[in-house]
Amino acid sequence: MLVFATSDKGGTGRSVTSANVAYRRAAQGGDVAYLDFDFGSPTVGTIFGIATAERGAVGGLHSYLLGTVDWPVRIDVWAESDRHNLHGDGAGQLVLFPGDIGGGEFPSSPDIVDRCVRLFLRLDEEFEVCVVDLSAGRSFATEIVLAATARPELRSVVARWLVFHRWTRQHIVAADGLVNGDNGIIKLGTESGHDREKLRASIRYVRTAFIDPDTDELAGLRAEQVAWLRATNALLQALAGERRIGRTTLIGSVPLDPVLQWREQLITDWDTAIRQTANRSTVDAFELIAKGLQDDAAWTSL
């Protein structure tokens, strides 16, 4: 399965959330690959705690797609992460395919799309889930993967999209534009050869830094503040419904967590149960999304 993680704006928590979802699925026993297709900023190695790939690696995905190496470098997260409390023993594979150090955006071409198809086919054979972290917005990376997944060779490979957005009016409008707007995923995908409705059915949304106005954690707020939060939440729910990114297309909501706001990292059981610096509800959200990725009932046509 290919899972494309995207967002219209930076700062949505796309990378840190999708990395944690990949980590949780691998800890549960699934073989997971994580591909850093954020070509303009290949820094996801910092989230996995890979000191040698904080800004990418030599011979990474840039080099492979541009044809300067035969295969991109791969990093075993269990073996290379400086997070020594990761649970890798007995788990499935967790492999990072980083971008290149100093790599930047580059336009698509037929040769690049060909290499992308070969990459996806080979990794789909080895891994249960391949998470592809795309550059934010209407990027060249998005164009490349839409063209690749429209090819006949990949028609039998399940491909799903996660669109990340914060729970604000600005981010809801931006997420809607990324999917449904001019030059959005639906239009670009259709032009690349995708069936419009099948592509639309493969897209789900993830809310990040979400605050539930009814949670007990807001007990310290004044009554006026809680009332305002509830009224604002109702307005946002209505807006999301109008834009077709409401509850029926939602695969998960990740609560606001201080750890993720101050340090983008993998949240381990050590962080929740021993150090108690992160919230268990955050991990529960990651695990729910990981489960939902492979729950076909969550991806039936709406």
Protein backbone atom coordinates (compact mmCIF):
# COMPACT_ATOMS: atom_id res chain seq x y z
CA MET A 1 0.00 0.00 0.00
CA LEU A 2 1.15 3.52 -0.85
CA VAL A 3 0.10 6.29 1.52
CA PHE A 4 0.72 9.86 0.36
CA ALA A 5 0.93 12.45 3.15
CA THR A 6 0.33 16.01 2.02
CA SER A 7 -0.82 19.44 3.17
CA ASP A 8 -1.42 22.79 1.54
CA LYS A 9 0.54 24.70 4.16
CA GLY A 10 3.69 24.06 6.17
CA GLY A 11 3.44 23.71 9.92
CA THR A 12 0.43 21.40 9.87
CA GLY A 13 2.21 18.54 11.62
CA ARG A 14 2.14 16.43 8.45
CA SER A 15 5.61 14.95 8.78
CA VAL A 16 5.66 14.40 12.54
CA THR A 17 2.21 12.82 12.49
CA SER A 18 2.86 10.54 9.52
CA ALA A 19 6.24 9.53 10.99
CA ASN A 20 4.58 8.58 14.27
CA VAL A 21 1.87 6.65 12.43
CA ALA A 22 4.58 4.76 10.53
CA TYR A 23 6.44 4.06 13.79
CA ARG A 24 3.30 2.75 15.51
CA ARG A 25 2.43 0.45 12.60
CA ALA A 26 5.97 -0.95 12.52
CA ALA A 27 5.95 -1.44 16.31
CA GLN A 28 2.76 -3.47 15.84
CA GLY A 29 4.59 -5.79 13.46
CA GLY A 30 4.04 -4.28 10.01
CA ASP A 31 6.92 -3.69 7.59
CA VAL A 32 6.93 0.05 6.90
CA ALA A 33 8.96 2.27 4.56
CA TYR A 34 9.02 6.04 4.94
CA LEU A 35 9.99 8.06 1.85
CA ASP A 36 10.97 11.72 2.25
CA PHE A 37 9.52 13.30 -0.89
CA ASP A 38 9.61 16.76 0.71
CA PHE A 39 12.25 17.66 -1.86
CA GLY A 40 12.65 21.29 -0.81
CA SER A 41 13.28 20.38 2.84
CA PRO A 42 14.40 16.75 3.26
CA THR A 43 14.73 16.88 7.05
CA VAL A 44 12.45 14.09 8.29
CA GLY A 45 15.53 12.30 9.61
CA THR A 46 15.37 14.64 12.60
CA ILE A 47 11.96 13.23 13.59
CA PHE A 48 13.28 9.67 13.48
CA GLY A 49 16.37 10.70 15.45
CA ILE A 50 18.82 9.84 12.65
CA ALA A 51 21.80 12.14 13.24
CA THR A 52 23.42 11.20 9.92
CA ALA A 53 20.32 12.21 7.95
CA GLU A 54 19.10 15.38 9.68
CA ARG A 55 19.25 17.26 6.38
CA GLY A 56 19.09 14.27 4.07
CA ALA A 57 21.80 11.84 2.95
CA VAL A 58 24.24 11.33 0.09
CA GLY A 59 22.64 9.28 -2.69
CA GLY A 60 19.07 9.70 -1.46
CA LEU A 61 15.77 9.98 -3.31
CA HIS A 62 16.81 13.10 -5.24
CA SER A 63 19.77 11.23 -6.72
CA TYR A 64 17.70 8.19 -7.55
CA LEU A 65 14.85 10.03 -9.24
CA LEU A 66 17.28 12.21 -11.18
CA GLY A 67 19.13 9.10 -12.37
CA THR A 68 22.54 9.60 -10.74
CA VAL A 69 22.33 6.45 -8.56
CA ASP A 70 20.76 3.07 -9.29
CA TRP A 71 18.94 2.86 -5.93
CA PRO A 72 18.43 5.30 -3.06
CA VAL A 73 20.14 4.89 0.28
CA ARG A 74 18.02 3.22 2.97
CA ILE A 75 18.35 3.60 6.74
CA ASP A 76 17.19 1.06 9.33
CA VAL A 77 15.48 3.27 11.92
CA TRP A 78 15.64 0.63 14.68
CA ALA A 79 19.42 0.36 14.28
CA GLU A 80 20.32 3.98 13.54
CA SER A 81 17.98 6.13 15.63
CA ASP A 82 19.44 7.92 18.64
CA ARG A 83 16.10 7.30 20.40
CA HIS A 84 17.33 4.24 22.28
CA ASN A 85 13.92 3.57 23.83
CA LEU A 86 12.27 2.75 20.50
CA HIS A 87 10.65 -0.68 20.52
CA GLY A 88 12.29 -2.41 17.57
CA ASP A 89 12.75 -5.90 18.99
CA GLY A 90 10.30 -8.29 17.40
CA ALA A 91 8.65 -5.51 15.41
CA GLY A 92 8.32 -5.15 11.68
CA GLN A 93 10.82 -3.25 9.56
CA LEU A 94 10.96 0.53 9.80
CA VAL A 95 13.11 1.91 7.00
CA LEU A 96 13.71 5.53 6.09
CA PHE A 97 14.48 6.55 2.51
CA PRO A 98 15.81 10.12 2.93
CA GLY A 99 16.17 12.86 0.39
CA ASP A 100 19.57 14.27 -0.55
CA ILE A 101 21.65 16.67 1.50
CA GLY A 102 21.21 20.07 -0.13
CA GLY A 103 18.50 18.73 -2.40
CA GLY A 104 15.80 21.02 -3.74
CA GLU A 105 12.62 20.89 -5.79
CA PHE A 106 12.87 19.65 -9.37
CA PRO A 107 10.23 19.40 -12.12
CA SER A 108 8.75 16.15 -13.31
CA SER A 109 9.79 14.41 -16.52
CA PRO A 110 8.92 11.06 -18.16
CA ASP A 111 12.22 9.55 -16.97
CA ILE A 112 11.61 10.68 -13.39
CA VAL A 113 8.10 9.24 -13.45
CA ASP A 114 9.49 5.94 -14.81
CA ARG A 115 11.97 5.72 -11.92
CA CYS A 116 9.23 6.60 -9.45
CA VAL A 117 7.06 3.76 -10.79
CA ARG A 118 9.95 1.28 -10.41
CA LEU A 119 10.59 2.54 -6.88
CA PHE A 120 6.98 2.13 -5.79
CA LEU A 121 6.62 -1.31 -7.38
CA ARG A 122 9.74 -2.66 -5.70
CA LEU A 123 8.95 -1.20 -2.28
CA ASP A 124 5.33 -2.37 -2.43
CA GLU A 125 6.64 -5.92 -2.78
CA GLU A 126 8.83 -5.60 0.31
CA PHE A 127 6.75 -3.44 2.64
CA GLU A 128 3.19 -3.59 3.92
CA VAL A 129 2.90 0.20 3.97
CA CYS A 130 4.97 2.84 2.18
CA VAL A 131 4.40 6.33 3.57
CA VAL A 132 5.39 9.02 1.07
CA ASP A 133 5.82 12.42 2.74
CA LEU A 134 5.22 15.05 0.03
CA SER A 135 6.25 18.69 -0.12
CA ALA A 136 3.52 21.06 1.03
CA GLY A 137 1.20 22.61 -1.52
CA ARG A 138 0.92 22.05 -5.25
CA SER A 139 4.45 20.70 -5.54
CA PHE A 140 6.49 18.92 -8.19
CA ALA A 141 6.52 15.92 -5.83
CA THR A 142 2.72 15.76 -6.00
CA GLU A 143 2.80 15.95 -9.80
CA ILE A 144 5.35 13.13 -9.95
CA VAL A 145 3.41 10.71 -7.75
CA LEU A 146 0.08 11.47 -9.45
CA ALA A 147 1.65 10.71 -12.82
CA ALA A 148 3.33 7.56 -11.49
CA THR A 149 0.22 6.11 -9.81
CA ALA A 150 -1.80 6.68 -13.00
CA ARG A 151 0.49 4.30 -14.89
CA PRO A 152 -0.93 0.84 -15.72
CA GLU A 153 1.90 -0.86 -13.79
CA LEU A 154 0.63 0.57 -10.51
CA ARG A 155 -3.11 0.06 -10.98
CA SER A 156 -3.10 -3.04 -8.78
CA VAL A 157 -1.28 -1.23 -5.94
CA VAL A 158 -3.55 0.37 -3.34
CA ALA A 159 -2.83 4.10 -3.08
CA ARG A 160 -4.38 6.35 -0.41
CA TRP A 161 -3.99 10.01 0.44
CA LEU A 162 -3.89 11.75 3.81
CA VAL A 163 -4.41 15.52 3.74
CA PHE A 164 -3.27 17.22 6.94
CA HIS A 165 -4.64 20.48 8.27
CA ARG A 166 -4.89 22.31 11.55
CA TRP A 167 -8.34 23.04 12.97
CA THR A 168 -8.62 26.66 11.89
CA ARG A 169 -10.65 28.44 9.21
CA GLN A 170 -7.52 29.26 7.23
CA HIS A 171 -6.30 25.66 7.19
CA ILE A 172 -9.72 24.21 6.32
CA VAL A 173 -9.97 26.53 3.31
CA ALA A 174 -6.38 25.68 2.31
CA ALA A 175 -6.96 21.91 2.55
CA ASP A 176 -10.10 22.22 0.42
CA GLY A 177 -8.16 24.20 -2.18
CA LEU A 178 -5.34 21.66 -2.27
CA VAL A 179 -7.75 18.86 -3.09
CA ASN A 180 -10.61 20.51 -4.99
CA GLY A 181 -9.26 23.83 -6.26
CA ASP A 182 -7.70 24.88 -9.54
CA ASN A 183 -4.58 22.75 -10.06
CA GLY A 184 -5.55 20.73 -6.99
CA ILE A 185 -5.04 17.01 -6.51
CA ILE A 186 -8.33 16.04 -8.17
CA LYS A 187 -7.75 18.16 -11.27
CA LEU A 188 -4.07 17.25 -11.66
CA GLY A 189 -4.81 13.60 -11.03
CA THR A 190 -7.60 13.51 -13.59
CA GLU A 191 -5.34 15.16 -16.16
CA SER A 192 -2.70 12.50 -15.39
CA GLY A 193 -5.15 9.69 -16.16
CA HIS A 194 -6.81 8.94 -12.81
CA ASP A 195 -10.52 8.27 -12.53
CA ARG A 196 -11.90 11.37 -10.78
CA GLU A 197 -14.25 9.61 -8.36
CA LYS A 198 -11.83 6.81 -7.50
CA LEU A 199 -9.17 9.39 -6.73
CA ARG A 200 -11.58 11.40 -4.60
CA ALA A 201 -12.54 8.24 -2.69
CA SER A 202 -8.86 7.62 -1.89
CA ILE A 203 -8.52 10.90 0.03
CA ARG A 204 -9.06 11.34 3.76
CA TYR A 205 -8.26 14.21 6.13
CA VAL A 206 -6.30 14.42 9.37
CA ARG A 207 -6.82 17.26 11.85
CA THR A 208 -3.74 18.18 13.85
CA ALA A 209 -3.20 20.15 17.07
CA PHE A 210 -6.91 19.62 17.67
CA ILE A 211 -8.51 20.85 20.89
CA ASP A 212 -11.75 19.17 21.93
CA PRO A 213 -13.87 21.90 23.55
CA ASP A 214 -15.60 19.28 25.70
CA THR A 215 -12.46 17.72 27.17
CA ASP A 216 -11.81 17.82 30.91
CA GLU A 217 -8.35 19.25 30.16
CA LEU A 218 -9.99 22.66 29.63
CA ALA A 219 -11.26 22.77 33.20
CA GLY A 220 -8.80 25.53 34.04
CA LEU A 221 -10.26 27.94 31.48
CA ARG A 222 -12.84 30.56 32.28
CA ALA A 223 -16.43 29.77 31.37
CA GLU A 224 -16.38 32.54 28.74
CA GLN A 225 -13.35 30.96 27.06
CA VAL A 226 -14.92 27.51 26.96
CA ALA A 227 -18.12 28.95 25.51
CA TRP A 228 -16.11 30.74 22.81
CA LEU A 229 -14.19 27.55 21.95
CA ARG A 230 -17.41 25.59 21.60
CA ALA A 231 -19.01 28.24 19.39
CA THR A 232 -15.89 28.44 17.21
CA ASN A 233 -15.70 24.67 16.96
CA ALA A 234 -19.31 24.56 15.76
CA LEU A 235 -18.53 27.13 13.06
CA LEU A 236 -15.50 25.14 11.94
CA GLN A 237 -17.53 21.93 11.82
CA ALA A 238 -20.07 23.66 9.57
CA LEU A 239 -17.34 25.06 7.31
CA ALA A 240 -15.63 21.66 7.02
CA GLY A 241 -18.95 20.05 6.13
CA GLU A 242 -19.60 22.64 3.41
CA ARG A 243 -16.14 21.96 1.95
CA ARG A 244 -16.64 18.17 2.08
CA ILE A 245 -13.83 17.69 4.55
CA GLY A 246 -15.99 17.06 7.60
CA ARG A 247 -16.52 13.96 9.73
CA THR A 248 -17.42 11.64 6.85
CA THR A 249 -14.01 12.15 5.23
CA LEU A 250 -12.03 12.35 8.48
CA ILE A 251 -9.68 9.49 9.36
CA GLY A 252 -8.30 10.96 12.56
CA SER A 253 -7.72 13.95 14.83
CA VAL A 254 -4.44 14.41 16.67
CA PRO A 255 -4.79 16.41 19.90
CA LEU A 256 -2.61 19.34 20.77
CA ASP A 257 0.45 17.92 22.53
CA PRO A 258 3.20 20.10 24.06
CA VAL A 259 5.91 17.63 23.05
CA LEU A 260 5.00 17.86 19.37
CA GLN A 261 4.74 21.67 19.51
CA TRP A 262 8.18 22.10 21.03
CA ARG A 263 10.05 19.14 19.60
CA GLU A 264 8.97 17.18 16.53
CA GLN A 265 9.82 13.59 17.44
CA LEU A 266 8.58 10.05 17.68
CA ILE A 267 6.49 9.61 20.81
CA THR A 268 7.38 6.34 22.53
CA ASP A 269 5.77 4.50 25.41
CA TRP A 270 8.68 5.78 27.49
CA ASP A 271 7.51 9.33 26.81
CA THR A 272 3.95 8.58 27.92
CA ALA A 273 4.25 5.95 30.66
CA ILE A 274 7.66 6.64 32.26
CA ARG A 275 8.60 10.25 31.64
CA GLN A 276 4.95 11.31 31.23
CA THR A 277 5.96 14.23 29.01
CA ALA A 278 3.55 13.27 26.22
CA ASN A 279 -0.13 12.39 26.39
CA ARG A 280 -1.43 8.87 25.88
CA SER A 281 -4.32 10.34 23.90
CA THR A 282 -1.80 11.46 21.27
CA VAL A 283 -0.49 7.91 20.85
CA ASP A 284 -4.05 6.61 20.72
CA ALA A 285 -4.71 9.01 17.81
CA PHE A 286 -1.62 7.76 15.94
CA GLU A 287 -2.65 4.14 16.43
CA LEU A 288 -6.21 4.87 15.28
CA ILE A 289 -4.91 6.43 12.04
CA ALA A 290 -2.51 3.51 11.49
CA LYS A 291 -5.39 1.06 11.88
CA GLY A 292 -7.66 3.14 9.65
CA LEU A 293 -5.17 3.10 6.79
CA GLN A 294 -5.79 -0.59 6.28
CA ASP A 295 -9.46 -0.67 7.20
CA ASP A 296 -11.21 -0.90 3.84
CA ALA A 297 -14.51 0.08 5.44
CA ALA A 298 -13.02 3.50 6.22
CA TRP A 299 -12.31 4.03 2.51
CA THR A 300 -15.60 3.08 0.93
CA SER A 301 -17.08 5.61 -1.48
CA LEU A 302 -18.97 8.41 0.24
